[in-house]
Structure formats: structure tokens, C-alpha cells
Amino acid sequence: MFWMIWTLSHRPPIDGIFLMTPALAVGKPVVLVLASGAGHRFTASGGKLNKLHAALAGKAVIEHVLESVAASGLTWHLVTGVEGGMGASVAAGVSATASADGWLILPADLPLIQPQSLQHVAAQLLEHAVVVPRRHAIPGHPVGFRKECQGRLLQLNGESGAKPVVEWYRSQGLVCDMPMEDDGIVMDIDTLSDLARIEKLIQTSRRPGDPH
């Protein structure tokens, strides 16, 4: 059993959400939940607030993501307030968890992600330097990176995220493309239409008597 630690600041990184994450586990990766994006496409589509705070089936989008991450049993770290694009957020998260044995990169706008998907990618890192999950051949998240990728991840910046690192390791034949059955690895929220579509999926998947 791992000791549980509270990660607190003067105010929560996400309003109303306090964070609790397991201490670093030897031999297992840390999930980096990226929540720094401004979400311009969401507001341009008519959204009135940050998309991660938008209500989805009775809770904020990011709450769905954090619940799945917590249920995976993996250590996680929430990356907020970083400027410079997704690449800079990845670099900041890796720097903040420098003693980890690997990382799973997970944008915080994937509310249907399943805990098992995180676990499966983490398990594949035992055999591969980089793991890219795919649904119907479409690349998704989380993308997994082993410890040996740390130096290149720390150099990231800009909007391309960790793609340059994936491309370099692919050129070396060290990337595992992993087919998965979880639609949640590719169903992100960029617009109000995306939010409504995922809301409908959640509502139609519930059975009579399920909690709301």
C-alpha cells in the first residue's frame, strides 16, 4: 500500500478540486494530466468558461478524467498554469516528477478515458520505450514514455506536444502502436458540439438505476 499525500496550494489548481495522488511507485510511470490549455476553440464555439470546468453529466469535465486516473491506481500529477503550448506542459510535468520511471501523457479533456486503458499502456512500457494507443488506427492518449525518454521530453516546447519525441523513437523502431477498444482515448472535447455529443453518449449508456 502506498502512502497517500495531499497536493495543495494556496488555492486548488482547478477551482473546487483538491488533489490526492499516490506517492511515486518504483517501476511504474506517472500520469501527467495536462490542464494548462486555454481552450480557445471551445470559447469560439460559444462556451462561456474553460472547457475543463464545463458541466458534463453532473460534474466538471476534468473531474471525470481525474476519477478515471485515480481509479487506475497509478501515480498522477496535474499540470496547470504553464504557458508555451502542450510541449511546455509535458516538459514541466516531467521536470516536476523527475524521479519517475516513466510518464503517461494525458490531456485533461478526455472524459471517457477508462482506467484500464491507462493500466494497459503502463504495462506495455515494461517492453517498449514509447507506447501509442490507437482506436481504429487513430492515435490517442495516454501516450507512454519510459525513463530513457526523459532528456528529450524535457526539451519540448510549443503546440506539437510530445510528437517530436514519438517521431524520433519511431525512427529508431522503438515505438509500440497499441490497438485498444476504448473510444475514450480519442474522444476529446474541443467545442460545445463535442461536449453535447459526449453528454449524449453518457446518458444513453446508463442503465435504469445507475447513479447520476
N, C-alpha and C. Protein backbone atom coordinates (compact mmCIF):
# COMPACT_ATOMS: atom_id res chain seq x y z
N MET A 1 0.85 -1.19 0.00
CA MET A 1 0.00 0.00 0.00
C MET A 1 0.89 1.24 0.00
N PHE A 2 0.53 2.22 -0.85
CA PHE A 2 1.32 3.43 -0.93
C PHE A 2 0.77 4.47 0.04
N TRP A 3 1.68 5.27 0.60
CA TRP A 3 1.24 6.42 1.38
C TRP A 3 0.53 7.38 0.45
N MET A 4 -0.52 8.00 0.95
CA MET A 4 -1.26 8.98 0.17
C MET A 4 -0.85 10.38 0.63
N ILE A 5 -0.62 11.28 -0.30
CA ILE A 5 -0.21 12.62 0.07
C ILE A 5 -1.17 13.63 -0.55
N TRP A 6 -1.44 14.70 0.19
CA TRP A 6 -2.26 15.79 -0.34
C TRP A 6 -1.37 16.75 -1.10
N THR A 7 -1.76 17.10 -2.30
CA THR A 7 -1.05 18.10 -3.08
C THR A 7 -1.89 19.36 -3.05
N LEU A 8 -1.51 20.31 -2.22
CA LEU A 8 -2.31 21.50 -2.03
C LEU A 8 -1.49 22.75 -2.31
N SER A 9 -2.14 23.79 -2.73
CA SER A 9 -1.53 25.09 -2.86
C SER A 9 -2.41 26.09 -2.13
N HIS A 10 -2.10 27.37 -2.25
CA HIS A 10 -2.92 28.37 -1.59
C HIS A 10 -4.36 28.33 -2.10
N ARG A 11 -4.53 27.91 -3.33
CA ARG A 11 -5.87 27.62 -3.84
C ARG A 11 -5.74 26.44 -4.78
N PRO A 12 -6.81 25.66 -4.95
CA PRO A 12 -6.71 24.47 -5.80
C PRO A 12 -6.37 24.85 -7.23
N PRO A 13 -5.54 24.05 -7.94
CA PRO A 13 -5.24 24.32 -9.34
C PRO A 13 -6.50 24.36 -10.19
N ILE A 14 -7.47 23.52 -9.89
CA ILE A 14 -8.77 23.54 -10.55
C ILE A 14 -9.78 23.91 -9.48
N ASP A 15 -10.50 25.00 -9.65
CA ASP A 15 -11.37 25.50 -8.61
C ASP A 15 -12.27 24.42 -8.05
N GLY A 16 -12.26 24.25 -6.75
CA GLY A 16 -13.15 23.31 -6.09
C GLY A 16 -12.65 21.89 -6.06
N ILE A 17 -11.50 21.62 -6.69
CA ILE A 17 -10.98 20.26 -6.73
C ILE A 17 -9.66 20.21 -5.98
N PHE A 18 -9.60 19.47 -4.90
CA PHE A 18 -8.34 19.25 -4.20
C PHE A 18 -7.77 17.93 -4.68
N LEU A 19 -6.47 17.85 -4.68
CA LEU A 19 -5.80 16.72 -5.31
C LEU A 19 -5.20 15.76 -4.30
N MET A 20 -5.38 14.48 -4.53
CA MET A 20 -4.70 13.48 -3.73
C MET A 20 -4.15 12.44 -4.68
N THR A 21 -2.87 12.19 -4.59
CA THR A 21 -2.23 11.27 -5.53
C THR A 21 -1.28 10.35 -4.78
N PRO A 22 -1.16 9.08 -5.19
CA PRO A 22 -0.21 8.20 -4.52
C PRO A 22 1.22 8.68 -4.69
N ALA A 23 2.06 8.39 -3.72
CA ALA A 23 3.47 8.69 -3.84
C ALA A 23 4.06 7.90 -5.01
N LEU A 24 5.20 8.37 -5.52
CA LEU A 24 5.83 7.71 -6.66
C LEU A 24 6.07 6.24 -6.37
N ALA A 25 5.69 5.40 -7.34
CA ALA A 25 5.86 3.96 -7.20
C ALA A 25 7.02 3.51 -8.06
N VAL A 26 7.96 2.79 -7.48
CA VAL A 26 9.13 2.33 -8.21
C VAL A 26 8.70 1.39 -9.34
N GLY A 27 9.24 1.65 -10.54
CA GLY A 27 8.96 0.78 -11.67
C GLY A 27 7.69 1.09 -12.41
N LYS A 28 6.92 2.09 -11.97
CA LYS A 28 5.67 2.44 -12.65
C LYS A 28 5.71 3.89 -13.10
N PRO A 29 5.01 4.20 -14.21
CA PRO A 29 5.01 5.57 -14.71
C PRO A 29 4.06 6.47 -13.93
N VAL A 30 4.26 7.76 -14.09
CA VAL A 30 3.37 8.78 -13.55
C VAL A 30 2.46 9.27 -14.67
N VAL A 31 1.19 9.44 -14.38
CA VAL A 31 0.26 10.01 -15.35
C VAL A 31 0.34 11.54 -15.23
N LEU A 32 0.73 12.20 -16.31
CA LEU A 32 0.74 13.65 -16.34
C LEU A 32 -0.56 14.13 -16.97
N VAL A 33 -1.43 14.72 -16.16
CA VAL A 33 -2.72 15.22 -16.63
C VAL A 33 -2.51 16.68 -17.03
N LEU A 34 -2.61 16.96 -18.32
CA LEU A 34 -2.30 18.29 -18.84
C LEU A 34 -3.55 19.16 -18.84
N ALA A 35 -3.53 20.22 -18.03
CA ALA A 35 -4.71 21.07 -17.88
C ALA A 35 -4.36 22.55 -17.99
N SER A 36 -3.39 22.88 -18.83
CA SER A 36 -2.96 24.27 -18.96
C SER A 36 -3.54 24.98 -20.17
N GLY A 37 -4.12 24.24 -21.10
CA GLY A 37 -4.59 24.85 -22.34
C GLY A 37 -5.68 25.89 -22.13
N ALA A 38 -5.67 26.90 -22.98
CA ALA A 38 -6.67 27.97 -22.87
C ALA A 38 -8.03 27.56 -23.41
N GLY A 39 -8.08 26.59 -24.31
CA GLY A 39 -9.36 26.14 -24.85
C GLY A 39 -10.04 27.16 -25.74
N HIS A 40 -9.28 27.81 -26.62
CA HIS A 40 -9.84 28.86 -27.47
C HIS A 40 -10.94 28.34 -28.40
N ARG A 41 -10.78 27.12 -28.91
CA ARG A 41 -11.80 26.58 -29.81
C ARG A 41 -13.13 26.39 -29.08
N PHE A 42 -13.06 26.05 -27.80
CA PHE A 42 -14.29 25.86 -27.03
C PHE A 42 -15.02 27.19 -26.84
N THR A 43 -14.31 28.22 -26.45
CA THR A 43 -14.96 29.53 -26.27
C THR A 43 -15.41 30.09 -27.62
N ALA A 44 -14.65 29.84 -28.68
CA ALA A 44 -15.05 30.31 -30.00
C ALA A 44 -16.34 29.65 -30.48
N SER A 45 -16.60 28.43 -29.99
CA SER A 45 -17.83 27.72 -30.37
C SER A 45 -19.03 28.14 -29.52
N GLY A 46 -18.80 29.03 -28.55
CA GLY A 46 -19.90 29.51 -27.71
C GLY A 46 -19.76 29.18 -26.25
N GLY A 47 -18.71 28.47 -25.87
CA GLY A 47 -18.51 28.13 -24.47
C GLY A 47 -18.24 29.36 -23.63
N LYS A 48 -18.77 29.38 -22.43
CA LYS A 48 -18.68 30.56 -21.56
C LYS A 48 -17.57 30.45 -20.52
N LEU A 49 -16.90 29.32 -20.44
CA LEU A 49 -15.86 29.12 -19.43
C LEU A 49 -14.86 28.11 -19.95
N ASN A 50 -13.78 27.92 -19.21
CA ASN A 50 -12.79 26.91 -19.59
C ASN A 50 -13.47 25.57 -19.77
N LYS A 51 -13.15 24.88 -20.86
CA LYS A 51 -13.84 23.64 -21.16
C LYS A 51 -13.68 22.58 -20.07
N LEU A 52 -12.58 22.63 -19.33
CA LEU A 52 -12.35 21.64 -18.28
C LEU A 52 -13.30 21.83 -17.11
N HIS A 53 -13.86 23.05 -16.99
CA HIS A 53 -14.82 23.34 -15.93
C HIS A 53 -16.27 23.12 -16.39
N ALA A 54 -16.46 22.89 -17.69
CA ALA A 54 -17.82 22.74 -18.22
C ALA A 54 -18.52 21.54 -17.59
N ALA A 55 -19.81 21.69 -17.36
CA ALA A 55 -20.59 20.61 -16.75
C ALA A 55 -20.83 19.49 -17.75
N LEU A 56 -20.60 18.27 -17.31
CA LEU A 56 -20.80 17.09 -18.14
C LEU A 56 -21.38 15.99 -17.26
N ALA A 57 -22.63 15.65 -17.49
CA ALA A 57 -23.29 14.59 -16.71
C ALA A 57 -23.15 14.83 -15.21
N GLY A 58 -23.35 16.08 -14.79
CA GLY A 58 -23.41 16.38 -13.37
C GLY A 58 -22.10 16.73 -12.70
N LYS A 59 -21.01 16.76 -13.45
CA LYS A 59 -19.72 17.14 -12.85
C LYS A 59 -18.84 17.79 -13.92
N ALA A 60 -17.78 18.44 -13.49
CA ALA A 60 -16.89 19.09 -14.44
C ALA A 60 -16.16 18.06 -15.30
N VAL A 61 -15.84 18.46 -16.53
CA VAL A 61 -15.12 17.57 -17.44
C VAL A 61 -13.88 16.99 -16.78
N ILE A 62 -13.10 17.84 -16.14
CA ILE A 62 -11.84 17.36 -15.56
C ILE A 62 -12.08 16.39 -14.41
N GLU A 63 -13.21 16.49 -13.74
CA GLU A 63 -13.50 15.55 -12.66
C GLU A 63 -13.64 14.13 -13.21
N HIS A 64 -14.26 13.99 -14.36
CA HIS A 64 -14.37 12.66 -14.99
C HIS A 64 -12.99 12.08 -15.25
N VAL A 65 -12.09 12.95 -15.76
CA VAL A 65 -10.74 12.49 -16.09
C VAL A 65 -9.99 12.09 -14.83
N LEU A 66 -10.03 12.94 -13.81
CA LEU A 66 -9.29 12.64 -12.59
C LEU A 66 -9.82 11.41 -11.87
N GLU A 67 -11.12 11.17 -11.95
CA GLU A 67 -11.68 9.97 -11.33
C GLU A 67 -11.15 8.71 -12.01
N SER A 68 -11.07 8.74 -13.34
CA SER A 68 -10.54 7.57 -14.06
C SER A 68 -9.07 7.36 -13.77
N VAL A 69 -8.32 8.46 -13.71
CA VAL A 69 -6.90 8.35 -13.41
C VAL A 69 -6.70 7.77 -12.01
N ALA A 70 -7.45 8.28 -11.03
CA ALA A 70 -7.33 7.77 -9.67
C ALA A 70 -7.70 6.29 -9.60
N ALA A 71 -8.74 5.90 -10.36
CA ALA A 71 -9.18 4.50 -10.35
C ALA A 71 -8.14 3.57 -10.97
N SER A 72 -7.23 4.11 -11.79
CA SER A 72 -6.20 3.26 -12.40
C SER A 72 -5.18 2.78 -11.37
N GLY A 73 -5.09 3.49 -10.25
CA GLY A 73 -4.11 3.13 -9.22
C GLY A 73 -2.72 3.66 -9.48
N LEU A 74 -2.54 4.40 -10.58
CA LEU A 74 -1.23 4.94 -10.93
C LEU A 74 -1.03 6.29 -10.26
N THR A 75 0.22 6.62 -9.99
CA THR A 75 0.57 7.94 -9.51
C THR A 75 0.24 8.96 -10.60
N TRP A 76 -0.23 10.15 -10.19
CA TRP A 76 -0.53 11.16 -11.19
C TRP A 76 -0.15 12.55 -10.71
N HIS A 77 0.03 13.43 -11.69
CA HIS A 77 0.43 14.80 -11.42
C HIS A 77 -0.34 15.71 -12.35
N LEU A 78 -1.01 16.73 -11.80
CA LEU A 78 -1.79 17.66 -12.58
C LEU A 78 -0.93 18.86 -12.98
N VAL A 79 -0.84 19.11 -14.28
CA VAL A 79 -0.03 20.21 -14.80
C VAL A 79 -0.95 21.37 -15.17
N THR A 80 -0.81 22.50 -14.48
CA THR A 80 -1.64 23.67 -14.74
C THR A 80 -0.77 24.92 -14.81
N GLY A 81 -1.33 25.95 -15.42
CA GLY A 81 -0.69 27.26 -15.40
C GLY A 81 0.60 27.36 -16.18
N VAL A 82 0.81 26.48 -17.16
CA VAL A 82 2.05 26.51 -17.95
C VAL A 82 1.76 27.15 -19.30
N GLU A 83 2.54 28.14 -19.68
CA GLU A 83 2.43 28.76 -20.99
C GLU A 83 3.48 28.14 -21.93
N GLY A 84 3.20 28.26 -23.23
CA GLY A 84 4.15 27.73 -24.21
C GLY A 84 3.67 26.49 -24.92
N GLY A 85 2.37 26.17 -24.78
CA GLY A 85 1.81 25.04 -25.51
C GLY A 85 1.93 23.72 -24.79
N MET A 86 1.39 22.69 -25.44
CA MET A 86 1.37 21.36 -24.82
C MET A 86 2.77 20.82 -24.58
N GLY A 87 3.69 21.14 -25.49
CA GLY A 87 5.06 20.68 -25.30
C GLY A 87 5.66 21.20 -24.01
N ALA A 88 5.42 22.48 -23.72
CA ALA A 88 5.93 23.07 -22.49
C ALA A 88 5.28 22.43 -21.27
N SER A 89 4.00 22.09 -21.38
CA SER A 89 3.30 21.43 -20.27
C SER A 89 3.89 20.05 -19.99
N VAL A 90 4.19 19.31 -21.06
CA VAL A 90 4.82 18.00 -20.89
C VAL A 90 6.16 18.15 -20.20
N ALA A 91 6.97 19.08 -20.68
CA ALA A 91 8.31 19.30 -20.10
C ALA A 91 8.19 19.68 -18.62
N ALA A 92 7.22 20.54 -18.29
CA ALA A 92 7.04 20.96 -16.90
C ALA A 92 6.63 19.78 -16.02
N GLY A 93 5.73 18.94 -16.54
CA GLY A 93 5.29 17.78 -15.78
C GLY A 93 6.41 16.78 -15.54
N VAL A 94 7.23 16.54 -16.56
CA VAL A 94 8.36 15.63 -16.43
C VAL A 94 9.37 16.19 -15.44
N SER A 95 9.61 17.48 -15.50
CA SER A 95 10.55 18.11 -14.58
C SER A 95 10.07 18.00 -13.14
N ALA A 96 8.76 18.17 -12.94
CA ALA A 96 8.20 18.11 -11.58
C ALA A 96 8.19 16.71 -11.00
N THR A 97 8.30 15.70 -11.86
CA THR A 97 8.28 14.29 -11.42
C THR A 97 9.54 13.59 -11.92
N ALA A 98 10.66 14.26 -11.78
CA ALA A 98 11.91 13.81 -12.42
C ALA A 98 12.38 12.44 -11.97
N SER A 99 11.96 12.00 -10.78
CA SER A 99 12.42 10.70 -10.29
C SER A 99 11.54 9.54 -10.76
N ALA A 100 10.51 9.84 -11.56
CA ALA A 100 9.62 8.78 -12.05
C ALA A 100 10.34 7.86 -13.02
N ASP A 101 9.82 6.64 -13.17
CA ASP A 101 10.40 5.68 -14.10
C ASP A 101 9.79 5.76 -15.50
N GLY A 102 8.83 6.66 -15.68
CA GLY A 102 8.19 6.85 -16.97
C GLY A 102 7.00 7.76 -16.81
N TRP A 103 6.36 8.08 -17.95
CA TRP A 103 5.24 9.02 -17.92
C TRP A 103 4.17 8.61 -18.91
N LEU A 104 2.91 8.82 -18.53
CA LEU A 104 1.78 8.70 -19.44
C LEU A 104 1.23 10.11 -19.65
N ILE A 105 1.21 10.58 -20.89
CA ILE A 105 0.77 11.93 -21.20
C ILE A 105 -0.72 11.90 -21.51
N LEU A 106 -1.51 12.60 -20.68
CA LEU A 106 -2.97 12.56 -20.81
C LEU A 106 -3.56 13.97 -20.75
N PRO A 107 -4.03 14.52 -21.89
CA PRO A 107 -4.75 15.78 -21.85
C PRO A 107 -6.02 15.65 -20.99
N ALA A 108 -6.37 16.73 -20.31
CA ALA A 108 -7.47 16.68 -19.34
C ALA A 108 -8.84 16.86 -19.98
N ASP A 109 -8.93 16.76 -21.31
CA ASP A 109 -10.23 16.93 -21.98
C ASP A 109 -10.73 15.62 -22.59
N LEU A 110 -10.36 14.50 -21.99
CA LEU A 110 -10.77 13.17 -22.46
C LEU A 110 -11.62 12.49 -21.36
N PRO A 111 -12.85 12.94 -21.17
CA PRO A 111 -13.64 12.49 -20.02
C PRO A 111 -14.11 11.04 -20.06
N LEU A 112 -14.02 10.38 -21.22
CA LEU A 112 -14.47 8.99 -21.30
C LEU A 112 -13.32 7.99 -21.16
N ILE A 113 -12.11 8.47 -20.91
CA ILE A 113 -10.96 7.57 -20.78
C ILE A 113 -11.22 6.55 -19.67
N GLN A 114 -10.89 5.29 -19.92
CA GLN A 114 -11.12 4.23 -18.96
C GLN A 114 -9.84 3.93 -18.16
N PRO A 115 -9.99 3.63 -16.87
CA PRO A 115 -8.80 3.31 -16.06
C PRO A 115 -7.97 2.19 -16.65
N GLN A 116 -8.64 1.20 -17.24
CA GLN A 116 -7.91 0.06 -17.81
C GLN A 116 -7.00 0.46 -18.95
N SER A 117 -7.38 1.51 -19.69
CA SER A 117 -6.53 1.97 -20.79
C SER A 117 -5.21 2.51 -20.25
N LEU A 118 -5.27 3.25 -19.16
CA LEU A 118 -4.05 3.74 -18.53
C LEU A 118 -3.19 2.58 -18.05
N GLN A 119 -3.82 1.59 -17.45
CA GLN A 119 -3.09 0.43 -16.94
C GLN A 119 -2.42 -0.35 -18.07
N HIS A 120 -3.12 -0.50 -19.21
CA HIS A 120 -2.57 -1.27 -20.32
C HIS A 120 -1.35 -0.57 -20.93
N VAL A 121 -1.44 0.76 -21.09
CA VAL A 121 -0.29 1.49 -21.63
C VAL A 121 0.89 1.40 -20.66
N ALA A 122 0.62 1.54 -19.38
CA ALA A 122 1.68 1.44 -18.37
C ALA A 122 2.36 0.08 -18.43
N ALA A 123 1.58 -0.97 -18.61
CA ALA A 123 2.14 -2.32 -18.66
C ALA A 123 3.05 -2.50 -19.88
N GLN A 124 2.67 -1.91 -21.00
CA GLN A 124 3.47 -2.07 -22.22
C GLN A 124 4.82 -1.35 -22.14
N LEU A 125 4.92 -0.36 -21.24
CA LEU A 125 6.20 0.33 -21.07
C LEU A 125 7.27 -0.57 -20.48
N LEU A 126 6.88 -1.70 -19.95
CA LEU A 126 7.87 -2.66 -19.46
C LEU A 126 8.67 -3.24 -20.62
N GLU A 127 8.09 -3.19 -21.84
CA GLU A 127 8.73 -3.79 -23.00
C GLU A 127 9.09 -2.81 -24.11
N HIS A 128 8.54 -1.60 -24.05
CA HIS A 128 8.75 -0.64 -25.14
C HIS A 128 9.10 0.74 -24.58
N ALA A 129 9.92 1.48 -25.32
CA ALA A 129 10.31 2.82 -24.89
C ALA A 129 9.16 3.81 -24.99
N VAL A 130 8.36 3.67 -26.04
CA VAL A 130 7.22 4.57 -26.27
C VAL A 130 6.02 3.73 -26.68
N VAL A 131 4.85 4.06 -26.12
CA VAL A 131 3.63 3.33 -26.44
C VAL A 131 2.57 4.33 -26.89
N VAL A 132 2.02 4.11 -28.09
CA VAL A 132 0.97 4.97 -28.64
C VAL A 132 -0.31 4.15 -28.78
N PRO A 133 -1.34 4.41 -27.96
CA PRO A 133 -2.60 3.68 -28.09
C PRO A 133 -3.36 4.15 -29.33
N ARG A 134 -4.07 3.25 -29.97
CA ARG A 134 -4.82 3.60 -31.18
C ARG A 134 -6.21 2.98 -31.12
N ARG A 135 -7.17 3.74 -31.62
CA ARG A 135 -8.54 3.25 -31.77
C ARG A 135 -8.91 3.37 -33.23
N HIS A 136 -9.16 2.22 -33.89
CA HIS A 136 -9.42 2.22 -35.34
C HIS A 136 -8.29 2.94 -36.09
N ALA A 137 -7.07 2.67 -35.69
CA ALA A 137 -5.84 3.21 -36.30
C ALA A 137 -5.62 4.68 -35.99
N ILE A 138 -6.52 5.33 -35.26
CA ILE A 138 -6.36 6.74 -34.90
C ILE A 138 -5.53 6.82 -33.61
N PRO A 139 -4.44 7.58 -33.60
CA PRO A 139 -3.65 7.69 -32.37
C PRO A 139 -4.41 8.44 -31.28
N GLY A 140 -4.25 7.97 -30.05
CA GLY A 140 -4.96 8.58 -28.93
C GLY A 140 -4.04 8.81 -27.75
N HIS A 141 -4.65 8.91 -26.57
CA HIS A 141 -3.92 9.12 -25.32
C HIS A 141 -4.43 8.15 -24.26
N PRO A 142 -3.59 7.87 -23.27
CA PRO A 142 -2.29 8.47 -22.99
C PRO A 142 -1.18 7.84 -23.83
N VAL A 143 -0.23 8.68 -24.23
CA VAL A 143 0.99 8.17 -24.85
C VAL A 143 1.99 7.92 -23.73
N GLY A 144 2.60 6.74 -23.76
CA GLY A 144 3.52 6.36 -22.69
C GLY A 144 4.98 6.52 -23.09
N PHE A 145 5.79 6.99 -22.14
CA PHE A 145 7.22 7.16 -22.37
C PHE A 145 8.00 6.56 -21.20
N ARG A 146 9.02 5.80 -21.50
CA ARG A 146 9.85 5.22 -20.46
C ARG A 146 10.92 6.22 -20.02
N LYS A 147 11.61 5.91 -18.94
CA LYS A 147 12.60 6.80 -18.34
C LYS A 147 13.64 7.31 -19.34
N GLU A 148 14.03 6.46 -20.27
CA GLU A 148 15.09 6.82 -21.22
C GLU A 148 14.69 7.99 -22.13
N CYS A 149 13.39 8.32 -22.15
CA CYS A 149 12.91 9.43 -22.98
C CYS A 149 13.00 10.78 -22.26
N GLN A 150 13.41 10.77 -21.01
CA GLN A 150 13.32 11.96 -20.17
C GLN A 150 14.03 13.18 -20.76
N GLY A 151 15.25 12.99 -21.23
CA GLY A 151 16.01 14.12 -21.76
C GLY A 151 15.29 14.82 -22.91
N ARG A 152 14.76 14.06 -23.83
CA ARG A 152 14.06 14.65 -24.98
C ARG A 152 12.73 15.28 -24.55
N LEU A 153 12.04 14.69 -23.60
CA LEU A 153 10.78 15.25 -23.12
C LEU A 153 11.01 16.61 -22.44
N LEU A 154 12.11 16.74 -21.73
CA LEU A 154 12.41 17.99 -21.03
C LEU A 154 12.72 19.14 -21.99
N GLN A 155 13.04 18.83 -23.24
CA GLN A 155 13.36 19.86 -24.22
C GLN A 155 12.14 20.34 -25.00
N LEU A 156 10.98 19.77 -24.74
CA LEU A 156 9.79 20.09 -25.52
C LEU A 156 9.28 21.49 -25.26
N ASN A 157 8.66 22.06 -26.30
CA ASN A 157 8.00 23.36 -26.21
C ASN A 157 7.04 23.45 -27.40
N GLY A 158 6.13 24.41 -27.36
CA GLY A 158 5.25 24.62 -28.50
C GLY A 158 4.00 23.75 -28.48
N GLU A 159 3.23 23.86 -29.57
CA GLU A 159 1.90 23.24 -29.64
C GLU A 159 1.91 21.79 -30.11
N SER A 160 3.04 21.27 -30.52
CA SER A 160 3.06 19.91 -31.08
C SER A 160 3.14 18.84 -30.00
N GLY A 161 3.16 19.24 -28.74
CA GLY A 161 3.17 18.27 -27.66
C GLY A 161 4.42 17.42 -27.69
N ALA A 162 4.23 16.11 -27.49
CA ALA A 162 5.37 15.19 -27.46
C ALA A 162 5.59 14.50 -28.80
N LYS A 163 4.95 14.98 -29.87
CA LYS A 163 5.10 14.33 -31.17
C LYS A 163 6.55 14.23 -31.64
N PRO A 164 7.37 15.26 -31.44
CA PRO A 164 8.77 15.12 -31.91
C PRO A 164 9.51 13.97 -31.24
N VAL A 165 9.18 13.70 -29.98
CA VAL A 165 9.83 12.60 -29.27
C VAL A 165 9.34 11.26 -29.82
N VAL A 166 8.02 11.17 -30.05
CA VAL A 166 7.46 9.94 -30.64
C VAL A 166 8.09 9.68 -32.00
N GLU A 167 8.21 10.73 -32.82
CA GLU A 167 8.76 10.56 -34.16
C GLU A 167 10.22 10.10 -34.13
N TRP A 168 11.00 10.64 -33.19
CA TRP A 168 12.40 10.22 -33.11
C TRP A 168 12.50 8.75 -32.71
N TYR A 169 11.74 8.34 -31.71
CA TYR A 169 11.80 6.94 -31.28
C TYR A 169 11.21 6.01 -32.34
N ARG A 170 10.24 6.50 -33.11
CA ARG A 170 9.71 5.68 -34.20
C ARG A 170 10.78 5.46 -35.26
N SER A 171 11.59 6.48 -35.51
CA SER A 171 12.67 6.34 -36.49
C SER A 171 13.71 5.30 -36.05
N GLN A 172 13.74 5.02 -34.74
CA GLN A 172 14.66 4.02 -34.20
C GLN A 172 13.99 2.65 -34.04
N GLY A 173 12.71 2.57 -34.44
CA GLY A 173 11.99 1.31 -34.32
C GLY A 173 11.62 0.95 -32.90
N LEU A 174 11.41 1.97 -32.05
CA LEU A 174 11.20 1.72 -30.63
C LEU A 174 9.81 2.13 -30.13
N VAL A 175 8.87 2.30 -31.07
CA VAL A 175 7.50 2.70 -30.71
C VAL A 175 6.56 1.52 -30.88
N CYS A 176 5.74 1.28 -29.86
CA CYS A 176 4.70 0.26 -29.92
C CYS A 176 3.36 0.94 -30.20
N ASP A 177 2.74 0.63 -31.35
CA ASP A 177 1.38 1.10 -31.64
C ASP A 177 0.41 0.06 -31.12
N MET A 178 -0.40 0.46 -30.14
CA MET A 178 -1.19 -0.49 -29.36
C MET A 178 -2.69 -0.32 -29.65
N PRO A 179 -3.31 -1.24 -30.39
CA PRO A 179 -4.76 -1.15 -30.63
C PRO A 179 -5.53 -1.29 -29.31
N MET A 180 -6.58 -0.48 -29.15
CA MET A 180 -7.38 -0.53 -27.93
C MET A 180 -8.85 -0.45 -28.30
N GLU A 181 -9.69 -0.94 -27.40
CA GLU A 181 -11.13 -0.95 -27.61
C GLU A 181 -11.85 0.25 -26.99
N ASP A 182 -11.10 1.13 -26.35
CA ASP A 182 -11.66 2.25 -25.61
C ASP A 182 -11.81 3.48 -26.50
N ASP A 183 -13.06 3.85 -26.83
CA ASP A 183 -13.29 5.06 -27.62
C ASP A 183 -12.82 6.31 -26.87
N GLY A 184 -12.75 6.21 -25.54
CA GLY A 184 -12.38 7.36 -24.74
C GLY A 184 -10.97 7.86 -24.97
N ILE A 185 -10.11 7.06 -25.59
CA ILE A 185 -8.74 7.51 -25.81
C ILE A 185 -8.65 8.54 -26.94
N VAL A 186 -9.71 8.67 -27.74
CA VAL A 186 -9.69 9.61 -28.88
C VAL A 186 -10.81 10.64 -28.82
N MET A 187 -11.72 10.53 -27.85
CA MET A 187 -12.88 11.42 -27.81
C MET A 187 -12.62 12.59 -26.88
N ASP A 188 -11.95 13.61 -27.42
CA ASP A 188 -11.66 14.80 -26.62
C ASP A 188 -12.74 15.86 -26.84
N ILE A 189 -12.70 16.89 -26.01
CA ILE A 189 -13.67 17.98 -26.09
C ILE A 189 -12.96 19.24 -26.54
N ASP A 190 -13.29 19.70 -27.74
CA ASP A 190 -12.75 20.94 -28.26
C ASP A 190 -13.82 22.02 -28.43
N THR A 191 -15.08 21.59 -28.63
CA THR A 191 -16.16 22.53 -28.90
C THR A 191 -17.40 22.16 -28.08
N LEU A 192 -18.39 23.06 -28.11
CA LEU A 192 -19.67 22.76 -27.45
C LEU A 192 -20.35 21.55 -28.08
N SER A 193 -20.18 21.37 -29.36
CA SER A 193 -20.76 20.19 -30.03
C SER A 193 -20.14 18.90 -29.51
N ASP A 194 -18.83 18.91 -29.28
CA ASP A 194 -18.17 17.74 -28.70
C ASP A 194 -18.74 17.44 -27.32
N LEU A 195 -18.93 18.49 -26.52
CA LEU A 195 -19.47 18.34 -25.17
C LEU A 195 -20.86 17.72 -25.22
N ALA A 196 -21.72 18.22 -26.12
CA ALA A 196 -23.08 17.70 -26.23
C ALA A 196 -23.08 16.25 -26.71
N ARG A 197 -22.19 15.93 -27.63
CA ARG A 197 -22.11 14.56 -28.15
C ARG A 197 -21.71 13.57 -27.05
N ILE A 198 -20.73 13.95 -26.25
CA ILE A 198 -20.27 13.07 -25.17
C ILE A 198 -21.31 12.99 -24.06
N GLU A 199 -21.99 14.09 -23.78
CA GLU A 199 -23.08 14.07 -22.80
C GLU A 199 -24.15 13.05 -23.22
N LYS A 200 -24.50 13.06 -24.50
CA LYS A 200 -25.50 12.13 -25.01
C LYS A 200 -25.03 10.68 -24.88
N LEU A 201 -23.76 10.44 -25.18
CA LEU A 201 -23.21 9.09 -25.06
C LEU A 201 -23.28 8.60 -23.62
N ILE A 202 -22.96 9.48 -22.68
CA ILE A 202 -23.01 9.09 -21.26
C ILE A 202 -24.43 8.77 -20.84
N GLN A 203 -25.36 9.61 -21.25
CA GLN A 203 -26.75 9.42 -20.84
C GLN A 203 -27.35 8.14 -21.44
N THR A 204 -27.03 7.86 -22.71
CA THR A 204 -27.60 6.68 -23.35
C THR A 204 -26.95 5.38 -22.88
N SER A 205 -25.73 5.48 -22.31
CA SER A 205 -25.06 4.27 -21.83
C SER A 205 -25.48 3.88 -20.43
N ARG A 206 -26.18 4.78 -19.75
CA ARG A 206 -26.61 4.47 -18.39
C ARG A 206 -27.80 3.53 -18.40
N ARG A 207 -27.80 2.61 -17.44
CA ARG A 207 -28.90 1.68 -17.29
C ARG A 207 -29.85 2.18 -16.21
N PRO A 208 -31.11 1.77 -16.23
CA PRO A 208 -32.04 2.17 -15.17
C PRO A 208 -31.47 1.82 -13.79
N GLY A 209 -31.50 2.79 -12.90
CA GLY A 209 -30.99 2.57 -11.55
C GLY A 209 -29.55 2.98 -11.34
N ASP A 210 -28.84 3.28 -12.46
CA ASP A 210 -27.46 3.77 -12.32
C ASP A 210 -27.46 5.11 -11.63
N PRO A 211 -26.44 5.43 -10.81
CA PRO A 211 -26.37 6.73 -10.17
C PRO A 211 -26.15 7.82 -11.20
N HIS A 212 -26.63 9.04 -10.92
CA HIS A 212 -26.49 10.18 -11.82
C HIS A 212 -25.43 11.11 -11.30
